[in-house]
N, C-alpha and C. Protein backbone atom coordinates (compact mmCIF):
# COMPACT_ATOMS: atom_id res chain seq x y z
N MET A 1 -48.96 -34.09 -60.16
CA MET A 1 -49.20 -33.24 -59.01
C MET A 1 -50.63 -32.74 -59.06
N VAL A 2 -51.23 -32.62 -57.90
CA VAL A 2 -52.55 -32.04 -57.78
C VAL A 2 -52.48 -30.88 -56.79
N LEU A 3 -53.41 -29.97 -56.90
CA LEU A 3 -53.46 -28.82 -56.00
C LEU A 3 -53.89 -29.27 -54.61
N THR A 4 -53.19 -28.80 -53.59
CA THR A 4 -53.53 -29.11 -52.21
C THR A 4 -53.81 -27.82 -51.45
N LYS A 5 -54.47 -27.96 -50.31
CA LYS A 5 -54.74 -26.78 -49.47
C LYS A 5 -53.43 -26.13 -49.04
N LYS A 6 -52.44 -26.96 -48.72
CA LYS A 6 -51.14 -26.45 -48.28
C LYS A 6 -50.49 -25.61 -49.38
N TYR A 7 -50.52 -26.09 -50.63
CA TYR A 7 -49.95 -25.35 -51.75
C TYR A 7 -50.69 -24.03 -51.94
N LEU A 8 -52.01 -24.08 -51.84
CA LEU A 8 -52.82 -22.88 -52.03
C LEU A 8 -52.54 -21.85 -50.93
N GLU A 9 -52.40 -22.30 -49.70
CA GLU A 9 -52.07 -21.40 -48.59
C GLU A 9 -50.69 -20.78 -48.80
N LYS A 10 -49.72 -21.59 -49.22
CA LYS A 10 -48.38 -21.09 -49.47
C LYS A 10 -48.40 -20.04 -50.59
N TYR A 11 -49.16 -20.31 -51.64
CA TYR A 11 -49.27 -19.35 -52.74
C TYR A 11 -49.87 -18.03 -52.25
N GLN A 12 -50.92 -18.11 -51.46
CA GLN A 12 -51.56 -16.90 -50.93
C GLN A 12 -50.58 -16.10 -50.07
N ASN A 13 -49.78 -16.79 -49.28
CA ASN A 13 -48.79 -16.10 -48.46
C ASN A 13 -47.73 -15.43 -49.32
N ASN A 14 -47.32 -16.09 -50.39
CA ASN A 14 -46.28 -15.54 -51.26
C ASN A 14 -46.76 -14.30 -52.01
N VAL A 15 -48.00 -14.30 -52.46
CA VAL A 15 -48.51 -13.15 -53.21
C VAL A 15 -49.18 -12.13 -52.28
N ARG A 16 -49.27 -12.47 -51.01
CA ARG A 16 -49.86 -11.59 -49.98
C ARG A 16 -51.28 -11.17 -50.30
N LYS A 17 -52.03 -12.12 -50.82
CA LYS A 17 -53.44 -11.91 -51.09
C LYS A 17 -54.19 -13.14 -50.62
N THR A 18 -55.40 -12.93 -50.15
CA THR A 18 -56.23 -14.06 -49.75
C THR A 18 -57.48 -14.09 -50.61
N ILE A 19 -58.04 -15.26 -50.73
CA ILE A 19 -59.24 -15.44 -51.53
C ILE A 19 -60.32 -16.02 -50.63
N PRO A 20 -61.58 -15.83 -50.99
CA PRO A 20 -62.67 -16.42 -50.21
C PRO A 20 -62.58 -17.95 -50.21
N ASP A 21 -63.08 -18.56 -49.15
CA ASP A 21 -63.06 -20.02 -49.04
C ASP A 21 -63.81 -20.68 -50.19
N THR A 22 -64.90 -20.07 -50.64
CA THR A 22 -65.67 -20.68 -51.73
C THR A 22 -64.84 -20.74 -53.01
N PHE A 23 -64.07 -19.70 -53.26
CA PHE A 23 -63.20 -19.67 -54.44
C PHE A 23 -62.09 -20.70 -54.31
N ALA A 24 -61.53 -20.83 -53.12
CA ALA A 24 -60.49 -21.83 -52.87
C ALA A 24 -61.04 -23.24 -53.08
N GLU A 25 -62.25 -23.48 -52.62
CA GLU A 25 -62.87 -24.79 -52.80
C GLU A 25 -63.08 -25.11 -54.28
N GLU A 26 -63.46 -24.11 -55.07
CA GLU A 26 -63.63 -24.32 -56.51
C GLU A 26 -62.31 -24.73 -57.15
N LEU A 27 -61.23 -24.04 -56.77
CA LEU A 27 -59.92 -24.39 -57.31
C LEU A 27 -59.51 -25.80 -56.91
N LEU A 28 -59.76 -26.15 -55.66
CA LEU A 28 -59.40 -27.48 -55.18
C LEU A 28 -60.22 -28.56 -55.89
N LEU A 29 -61.49 -28.28 -56.16
CA LEU A 29 -62.30 -29.25 -56.90
C LEU A 29 -61.80 -29.43 -58.33
N GLU A 30 -61.40 -28.33 -58.95
CA GLU A 30 -60.96 -28.38 -60.34
C GLU A 30 -59.56 -28.98 -60.49
N LEU A 31 -58.64 -28.56 -59.63
CA LEU A 31 -57.23 -28.95 -59.79
C LEU A 31 -56.73 -29.92 -58.72
N GLY A 32 -57.58 -30.28 -57.79
CA GLY A 32 -57.16 -31.12 -56.68
C GLY A 32 -57.28 -32.61 -56.92
N GLN A 33 -57.50 -33.01 -58.15
CA GLN A 33 -57.62 -34.43 -58.46
C GLN A 33 -57.09 -34.69 -59.86
N PRO A 34 -56.63 -35.90 -60.13
CA PRO A 34 -56.16 -36.21 -61.48
C PRO A 34 -57.28 -36.05 -62.49
N PHE A 35 -56.93 -35.87 -63.75
CA PHE A 35 -57.93 -35.71 -64.80
C PHE A 35 -57.78 -36.81 -65.84
N ILE A 36 -58.82 -37.03 -66.61
CA ILE A 36 -58.82 -38.04 -67.66
C ILE A 36 -58.73 -37.33 -69.01
N ASP A 37 -57.74 -37.72 -69.80
CA ASP A 37 -57.58 -37.07 -71.11
C ASP A 37 -58.55 -37.67 -72.13
N ASN A 38 -58.45 -37.19 -73.37
CA ASN A 38 -59.37 -37.62 -74.43
C ASN A 38 -59.28 -39.10 -74.76
N GLU A 39 -58.14 -39.71 -74.46
CA GLU A 39 -57.94 -41.13 -74.74
C GLU A 39 -58.28 -42.02 -73.56
N GLY A 40 -58.76 -41.43 -72.47
CA GLY A 40 -59.17 -42.20 -71.30
C GLY A 40 -58.06 -42.48 -70.31
N HIS A 41 -56.89 -41.86 -70.49
CA HIS A 41 -55.79 -42.05 -69.55
C HIS A 41 -55.91 -41.08 -68.38
N VAL A 42 -55.57 -41.55 -67.19
CA VAL A 42 -55.59 -40.70 -66.00
C VAL A 42 -54.25 -39.98 -65.92
N ASN A 43 -54.29 -38.67 -65.82
CA ASN A 43 -53.08 -37.85 -65.75
C ASN A 43 -53.16 -36.90 -64.57
N GLU A 44 -52.00 -36.41 -64.16
CA GLU A 44 -51.94 -35.35 -63.15
C GLU A 44 -51.35 -34.12 -63.82
N TYR A 45 -51.57 -32.98 -63.19
CA TYR A 45 -51.03 -31.73 -63.70
C TYR A 45 -49.55 -31.62 -63.31
N SER A 46 -48.78 -30.88 -64.10
CA SER A 46 -47.40 -30.59 -63.71
C SER A 46 -47.43 -29.44 -62.71
N GLU A 47 -46.33 -29.26 -62.01
CA GLU A 47 -46.26 -28.16 -61.04
C GLU A 47 -46.45 -26.82 -61.75
N GLN A 48 -45.90 -26.69 -62.95
CA GLN A 48 -46.06 -25.46 -63.71
C GLN A 48 -47.52 -25.24 -64.09
N ASP A 49 -48.22 -26.30 -64.49
CA ASP A 49 -49.66 -26.19 -64.80
C ASP A 49 -50.44 -25.68 -63.61
N ILE A 50 -50.17 -26.25 -62.44
CA ILE A 50 -50.87 -25.84 -61.21
C ILE A 50 -50.58 -24.37 -60.94
N PHE A 51 -49.31 -23.98 -60.99
CA PHE A 51 -48.93 -22.60 -60.71
C PHE A 51 -49.64 -21.64 -61.65
N GLU A 52 -49.62 -21.94 -62.95
CA GLU A 52 -50.24 -21.05 -63.94
C GLU A 52 -51.75 -20.98 -63.77
N GLN A 53 -52.40 -22.09 -63.53
CA GLN A 53 -53.85 -22.09 -63.36
C GLN A 53 -54.25 -21.31 -62.11
N VAL A 54 -53.50 -21.46 -61.03
CA VAL A 54 -53.80 -20.73 -59.79
C VAL A 54 -53.55 -19.24 -60.02
N ARG A 55 -52.45 -18.90 -60.67
CA ARG A 55 -52.13 -17.49 -60.95
C ARG A 55 -53.23 -16.83 -61.78
N LYS A 56 -53.67 -17.52 -62.83
CA LYS A 56 -54.72 -16.98 -63.69
C LYS A 56 -56.04 -16.86 -62.93
N ALA A 57 -56.33 -17.83 -62.09
CA ALA A 57 -57.57 -17.78 -61.31
C ALA A 57 -57.54 -16.60 -60.34
N PHE A 58 -56.40 -16.36 -59.72
CA PHE A 58 -56.27 -15.21 -58.83
C PHE A 58 -56.48 -13.93 -59.60
N GLN A 59 -55.89 -13.81 -60.78
CA GLN A 59 -56.05 -12.60 -61.59
C GLN A 59 -57.52 -12.38 -61.93
N ARG A 60 -58.21 -13.44 -62.38
CA ARG A 60 -59.64 -13.31 -62.71
C ARG A 60 -60.44 -12.87 -61.49
N HIS A 61 -60.15 -13.50 -60.35
CA HIS A 61 -60.90 -13.19 -59.14
C HIS A 61 -60.73 -11.73 -58.74
N PHE A 62 -59.50 -11.24 -58.71
CA PHE A 62 -59.28 -9.88 -58.26
C PHE A 62 -59.72 -8.86 -59.29
N LYS A 63 -59.75 -9.24 -60.55
CA LYS A 63 -60.30 -8.35 -61.58
C LYS A 63 -61.81 -8.20 -61.39
N GLU A 64 -62.49 -9.31 -61.08
CA GLU A 64 -63.94 -9.29 -60.84
C GLU A 64 -64.27 -8.49 -59.58
N VAL A 65 -63.44 -8.60 -58.57
CA VAL A 65 -63.68 -7.88 -57.31
C VAL A 65 -63.59 -6.38 -57.51
N LYS A 66 -62.65 -5.93 -58.36
CA LYS A 66 -62.46 -4.50 -58.61
C LYS A 66 -63.61 -3.89 -59.39
N THR A 67 -64.27 -4.67 -60.25
CA THR A 67 -65.35 -4.11 -61.07
C THR A 67 -66.69 -4.30 -60.45
């Protein structure tokens, strides 16, 4: 699974918070495509990986905004 705009919009609606478009684009660039592991294999993230990475990114973003 890779992060999509639709998934990101759904997540924002569920947590009732929005993020700037630039931040959303960074997430999509990072998680929106398969990755290559240390052995050269192409892998995708699990749904849980995507959820956790997006959740942590939201926490970092809103922590930075408050300070």
